[in-house]
Amino acid sequence: MKDYYQELGVARGASEQEIKQAYRKLARKYHPDINPGDKTAEARFKAINEAYEVLADKEKREKYDRFGGDWKRYEQAGPGFDYSENFADIFETLFGGGRRAGSGGFNPRASGQDVDQPVEITLEEAFTGTQRTLQVAVPYSSPRTITVKIPAGVDTGTRVRVPGEGAAGFNGGSRGDLYLVVSLLPHPRYERKGSDLHLTVPVNLYTMLLGGQAPVPTLAGRTLNLTIPEQTQSGRVFRLGGQGMPILQSNKQGDLYVKVQAELPTNLSERERELFEELRRIKESKVA
């Protein structure tokens, strides 16, 4: 069975506007005029158009969501078609040898479809793990409220599976699964790259020149003291092992990369200005 949502790269709960935007983007990419003589692109273009033809039509989409690959059979059968009575005939045609439910031999069942549910979390929540209480509305089921645990280490694109919370099955078939599709919100200080974190820390000029300690905040809520060697150049990056993001299904963590940035003094006193002037004269005399 073709998955029209997958063809367009959208979630099952995508809005009409999201479906239209996805179609336009893909249609431009695979259009025969853009890819002359490319049979693969031509086949992809036809598949995209087929998917859009169904998902852009409200009635067709509803039938597709309910009946999956058999939605055309239902449409061709017309308004008098009784799904509960005729679904067994469809199964018998597809698989052969079965008898209708009630005659003691064939009792068709169909599993429900999986459902995607987008969810946004903060970097701190991804670091510690979190949970969400969601109002889930899936096809042909009453809305339900569920609480889902999201493990530490998830990233944008991670799919958290919740078994049995998808669309209802037919005739006693099992429910599909619900998948939370994670999106990570941007953080004002940390940048995430895989399991590693990157952070820029301002360090006063005196510590950069003479050496010393610089405080580094971590997502774990602790402050680490980073040792700064004397005459450290602004922009140097230090690696703090094991201070990055938790790695899914592992007891390990990534690293924290700290970029130090020299912080120049402001509001100099007369004495401070005199000392800096003297340092400059000394430096210039060495060059001369």
Protein backbone atom coordinates (compact mmCIF):
# COMPACT_ATOMS: atom_id res chain seq x y z
CA MET A 1 0.00 0.00 0.00
CA LYS A 2 1.29 3.44 -0.92
CA ASP A 3 1.69 5.86 1.96
CA TYR A 4 0.60 9.18 0.51
CA TYR A 5 1.72 11.09 3.60
CA GLN A 6 5.18 9.60 3.27
CA GLU A 7 5.25 10.46 -0.43
CA LEU A 8 4.81 14.15 0.46
CA GLY A 9 6.93 13.98 3.61
CA VAL A 10 4.20 15.27 5.94
CA ALA A 11 2.66 14.00 9.16
CA ARG A 12 -0.77 12.37 9.12
CA GLY A 13 -2.22 15.33 10.98
CA ALA A 14 -0.78 17.85 8.51
CA SER A 15 -2.95 20.84 7.62
CA GLU A 16 -4.14 21.61 4.10
CA GLN A 17 -1.57 24.40 3.89
CA GLU A 18 1.28 22.09 4.96
CA ILE A 19 0.24 19.53 2.36
CA LYS A 20 0.07 22.18 -0.35
CA GLN A 21 3.50 23.60 0.57
CA ALA A 22 5.08 20.14 0.61
CA TYR A 23 3.56 19.32 -2.79
CA ARG A 24 4.75 22.54 -4.41
CA LYS A 25 8.29 22.05 -3.11
CA LEU A 26 8.51 18.45 -4.33
CA ALA A 27 6.77 19.17 -7.63
CA ARG A 28 9.33 21.84 -8.46
CA LYS A 29 12.17 19.50 -7.53
CA TYR A 30 11.01 16.51 -9.61
CA HIS A 31 9.21 18.25 -12.50
CA PRO A 32 10.12 16.67 -15.89
CA ASP A 33 11.12 20.08 -17.26
CA ILE A 34 13.74 20.34 -14.50
CA ASN A 35 14.86 16.71 -14.94
CA PRO A 36 14.67 15.97 -18.69
CA GLY A 37 15.13 12.29 -19.47
CA ASP A 38 15.32 11.28 -15.79
CA LYS A 39 12.91 8.32 -15.45
CA THR A 40 13.34 8.16 -11.67
CA ALA A 41 12.37 11.81 -11.28
CA GLU A 42 9.42 11.29 -13.66
CA ALA A 43 8.13 8.35 -11.58
CA ARG A 44 8.57 10.37 -8.39
CA PHE A 45 6.68 13.29 -9.94
CA LYS A 46 3.74 11.01 -10.82
CA ALA A 47 3.70 9.55 -7.29
CA ILE A 48 3.71 13.04 -5.75
CA ASN A 49 0.79 14.12 -7.93
CA GLU A 50 -1.17 10.98 -7.06
CA ALA A 51 -0.62 11.60 -3.34
CA TYR A 52 -1.60 15.25 -3.60
CA GLU A 53 -4.73 14.45 -5.60
CA VAL A 54 -5.99 12.37 -2.68
CA LEU A 55 -4.75 14.37 0.32
CA ALA A 56 -5.82 17.74 -1.08
CA ASP A 57 -9.41 16.48 -1.47
CA LYS A 58 -11.17 16.43 1.90
CA GLU A 59 -13.52 13.54 1.09
CA LYS A 60 -10.83 11.40 -0.55
CA ARG A 61 -8.47 12.05 2.34
CA GLU A 62 -11.09 10.98 4.88
CA LYS A 63 -11.66 7.73 2.98
CA TYR A 64 -7.92 7.15 2.65
CA ASP A 65 -7.40 7.78 6.39
CA ARG A 66 -10.16 5.29 7.20
CA PHE A 67 -9.68 2.56 4.63
CA GLY A 68 -6.05 2.96 3.64
CA GLY A 69 -5.22 1.25 0.33
CA ASP A 70 -8.84 0.12 -0.11
CA TRP A 71 -10.28 3.63 -0.18
CA LYS A 72 -10.88 3.47 -3.95
CA ARG A 73 -12.96 0.31 -3.57
CA TYR A 74 -15.18 2.15 -1.13
CA GLU A 75 -15.45 5.17 -3.42
CA GLN A 76 -16.29 3.05 -6.48
CA ALA A 77 -18.91 1.10 -4.53
CA GLY A 78 -20.93 4.28 -4.04
CA PRO A 79 -22.92 5.66 -1.10
CA GLY A 80 -24.86 2.42 -0.59
CA PHE A 81 -21.73 0.47 0.25
CA ASP A 82 -21.84 -1.03 3.76
CA TYR A 83 -18.27 -1.19 4.93
CA SER A 84 -18.91 -3.55 7.80
CA GLU A 85 -20.72 -6.02 5.51
CA ASN A 86 -18.48 -5.79 2.47
CA PHE A 87 -15.02 -5.59 4.02
CA ALA A 88 -14.96 -9.38 4.31
CA ASP A 89 -15.58 -9.64 0.56
CA ILE A 90 -12.58 -7.39 -0.05
CA PHE A 91 -10.38 -9.62 2.10
CA GLU A 92 -11.69 -12.70 0.34
CA THR A 93 -10.83 -11.16 -3.03
CA LEU A 94 -7.35 -10.21 -1.85
CA PHE A 95 -6.42 -13.39 0.00
CA GLY A 96 -8.94 -15.99 -1.24
CA GLY A 97 -10.51 -18.97 0.50
CA GLY A 98 -12.14 -17.09 3.33
CA ARG A 99 -15.81 -17.08 4.27
CA ARG A 100 -17.77 -14.21 5.59
CA ALA A 101 -17.83 -13.45 9.26
CA GLY A 102 -20.77 -15.16 10.87
CA SER A 103 -20.51 -18.28 8.70
CA GLY A 104 -17.83 -19.67 10.99
CA GLY A 105 -14.79 -19.35 8.78
CA PHE A 106 -13.59 -15.81 8.02
CA ASN A 107 -13.54 -12.85 10.35
CA PRO A 108 -11.45 -10.06 8.81
CA ARG A 109 -9.54 -7.74 11.07
CA ALA A 110 -7.43 -4.71 10.24
CA SER A 111 -4.91 -2.98 12.47
CA GLY A 112 -5.32 0.76 12.98
CA GLN A 113 -2.96 3.26 11.42
CA ASP A 114 -0.01 4.84 13.19
CA VAL A 115 -0.38 8.53 13.99
CA ASP A 116 2.29 11.23 14.25
CA GLN A 117 1.97 13.96 16.88
CA PRO A 118 4.47 16.87 16.84
CA VAL A 119 5.80 18.03 20.22
CA GLU A 120 8.21 20.83 21.12
CA ILE A 121 10.61 20.60 24.07
CA THR A 122 13.37 22.76 25.50
CA LEU A 123 17.06 21.82 25.55
CA GLU A 124 16.86 21.46 29.33
CA GLU A 125 13.98 18.99 28.96
CA ALA A 126 15.94 17.03 26.37
CA PHE A 127 18.87 16.92 28.81
CA THR A 128 16.95 15.59 31.81
CA GLY A 129 14.04 13.86 30.11
CA THR A 130 10.49 15.07 30.55
CA GLN A 131 6.85 14.16 30.03
CA ARG A 132 3.86 15.61 28.23
CA THR A 133 0.16 15.33 28.92
CA LEU A 134 -1.54 15.40 25.54
CA GLN A 135 -5.07 15.56 24.19
CA VAL A 136 -4.92 12.93 21.46
CA ALA A 137 -7.48 13.01 18.67
CA VAL A 138 -6.98 10.19 16.18
CA PRO A 139 -9.28 9.03 13.34
CA TYR A 140 -12.46 7.21 14.38
CA SER A 141 -11.74 7.41 18.11
CA SER A 142 -12.93 9.69 20.88
CA PRO A 143 -10.32 12.21 22.07
CA ARG A 144 -8.21 10.88 24.92
CA THR A 145 -5.82 12.47 27.42
CA ILE A 146 -2.55 10.59 27.89
CA THR A 147 0.74 11.25 29.66
CA VAL A 148 3.88 10.27 27.78
CA LYS A 149 7.45 10.09 29.08
CA ILE A 150 10.12 11.55 26.77
CA PRO A 151 13.57 10.09 27.48
CA ALA A 152 16.72 12.13 28.02
CA GLY A 153 18.84 12.64 24.92
CA VAL A 154 16.10 13.10 22.32
CA ASP A 155 16.79 15.52 19.47
CA THR A 156 14.86 17.15 16.66
CA GLY A 157 13.40 14.37 14.54
CA THR A 158 13.41 11.75 17.30
CA ARG A 159 10.22 9.64 17.24
CA VAL A 160 8.97 8.48 20.63
CA ARG A 161 6.68 5.46 20.20
CA VAL A 162 3.56 5.12 22.34
CA PRO A 163 2.14 1.64 21.63
CA GLY A 164 -1.60 1.26 21.09
CA GLU A 165 -2.50 4.96 21.11
CA GLY A 166 -2.94 5.37 17.35
CA ALA A 167 -6.05 4.95 15.21
CA ALA A 168 -8.55 2.23 16.15
CA GLY A 169 -8.47 -1.06 14.27
CA PHE A 170 -11.38 -2.62 12.40
CA ASN A 171 -13.47 -5.49 13.72
CA GLY A 172 -11.34 -6.04 16.80
CA GLY A 173 -8.02 -5.36 15.09
CA SER A 174 -5.29 -3.84 17.23
CA ARG A 175 -4.84 -0.12 17.50
CA GLY A 176 -1.99 1.57 15.68
CA ASP A 177 0.76 3.37 17.54
CA LEU A 178 1.20 7.04 18.37
CA TYR A 179 4.57 8.61 17.56
CA LEU A 180 5.64 11.85 19.20
CA VAL A 181 7.85 13.65 16.67
CA VAL A 182 10.21 15.84 18.68
CA SER A 183 11.28 19.38 17.76
CA LEU A 184 13.95 21.00 19.92
CA LEU A 185 13.47 24.70 20.69
CA PRO A 186 16.54 26.94 20.21
CA HIS A 187 18.50 27.86 23.34
CA PRO A 188 19.82 31.39 24.01
CA ARG A 189 23.29 30.17 25.13
CA TYR A 190 23.94 26.57 24.12
CA GLU A 191 24.18 25.18 20.61
CA ARG A 192 23.64 21.47 20.18
CA LYS A 193 25.52 19.41 17.59
CA GLY A 194 24.59 15.76 17.91
CA SER A 195 25.40 14.73 21.47
CA ASP A 196 27.83 17.66 21.99
CA LEU A 197 27.09 21.14 23.30
CA HIS A 198 28.85 24.37 22.36
CA LEU A 199 29.00 27.43 24.62
CA THR A 200 30.74 30.82 24.46
CA VAL A 201 31.97 32.16 27.81
CA PRO A 202 33.22 35.73 28.36
CA VAL A 203 36.51 35.87 30.33
CA ASN A 204 38.07 39.07 31.64
CA LEU A 205 41.22 40.32 29.97
CA TYR A 206 43.40 39.88 33.05
CA THR A 207 42.58 36.17 33.35
CA MET A 208 43.24 35.69 29.64
CA LEU A 209 46.66 37.34 29.98
CA LEU A 210 47.81 36.06 33.36
CA GLY A 211 45.87 32.78 33.66
CA GLY A 212 43.29 31.79 36.22
CA GLN A 213 39.82 30.28 36.52
CA ALA A 214 36.63 30.98 34.57
CA PRO A 215 33.16 29.78 35.66
CA VAL A 216 31.31 27.61 33.13
CA PRO A 217 27.58 26.85 33.63
CA THR A 218 26.31 23.40 32.63
CA LEU A 219 22.83 22.12 31.73
CA ALA A 220 23.05 19.85 34.77
CA GLY A 221 22.77 22.99 36.91
CA ARG A 222 26.37 22.94 38.14
CA THR A 223 29.11 25.52 37.59
CA LEU A 224 32.52 24.18 36.63
CA ASN A 225 35.80 26.10 36.99
CA LEU A 226 37.70 26.10 33.71
CA THR A 227 41.46 26.57 34.04
CA ILE A 228 42.68 29.29 31.67
CA PRO A 229 46.42 29.16 30.88
CA GLU A 230 48.27 32.47 30.75
CA GLN A 231 48.30 34.32 27.41
CA THR A 232 45.23 32.49 26.13
CA GLN A 233 43.99 33.91 22.84
CA SER A 234 40.37 35.01 22.50
CA GLY A 235 38.39 32.40 20.57
CA ARG A 236 40.26 29.36 21.91
CA VAL A 237 38.02 26.32 22.45
CA PHE A 238 38.30 23.97 25.44
CA ARG A 239 36.67 20.53 25.61
CA LEU A 240 35.00 19.36 28.82
CA GLY A 241 34.49 15.62 28.42
CA GLY A 242 31.17 14.07 29.43
CA GLN A 243 29.42 17.41 30.00
CA GLY A 244 27.31 17.31 26.84
CA MET A 245 23.92 15.74 26.08
CA PRO A 246 22.92 12.26 27.26
CA ILE A 247 23.11 9.69 24.47
CA LEU A 248 19.87 7.77 23.91
CA GLN A 249 19.80 4.19 25.20
CA SER A 250 23.22 4.66 26.75
CA ASN A 251 24.79 5.76 30.02
CA LYS A 252 27.21 7.99 28.14
CA GLN A 253 27.17 11.71 27.45
CA GLY A 254 28.64 13.90 24.76
CA ASP A 255 31.14 16.70 25.42
CA LEU A 256 30.85 20.40 26.15
CA TYR A 257 32.99 22.68 23.98
CA VAL A 258 33.69 26.05 25.59
CA LYS A 259 34.85 28.97 23.48
CA VAL A 260 36.46 31.72 25.58
CA GLN A 261 35.96 35.29 24.49
CA ALA A 262 38.06 38.12 25.91
CA GLU A 263 36.03 40.69 27.80
CA LEU A 264 37.70 44.11 27.63
CA PRO A 265 37.56 46.37 30.71
CA THR A 266 35.39 49.47 30.61
CA ASN A 267 35.15 52.66 32.68
CA LEU A 268 38.92 52.76 33.30
CA SER A 269 40.18 54.83 36.20
CA GLU A 270 43.02 57.29 35.64
CA ARG A 271 45.47 54.90 37.28
CA GLU A 272 44.31 51.96 35.14
CA ARG A 273 44.66 54.06 32.01
CA GLU A 274 48.19 55.06 33.01
CA LEU A 275 49.15 51.42 33.52
CA PHE A 276 47.74 50.40 30.12
CA GLU A 277 49.60 53.29 28.49
CA GLU A 278 52.80 52.10 30.15
CA LEU A 279 52.21 48.54 28.95
CA ARG A 280 51.73 49.85 25.43
CA ARG A 281 54.99 51.82 25.55
CA ILE A 282 56.82 48.73 26.78
CA LYS A 283 55.33 46.62 23.99
CA GLU A 284 56.15 49.21 21.32
CA SER A 285 59.75 49.57 22.58
CA LYS A 286 60.25 45.80 22.27
CA VAL A 287 59.02 45.89 18.68
CA ALA A 288 61.30 48.81 17.84
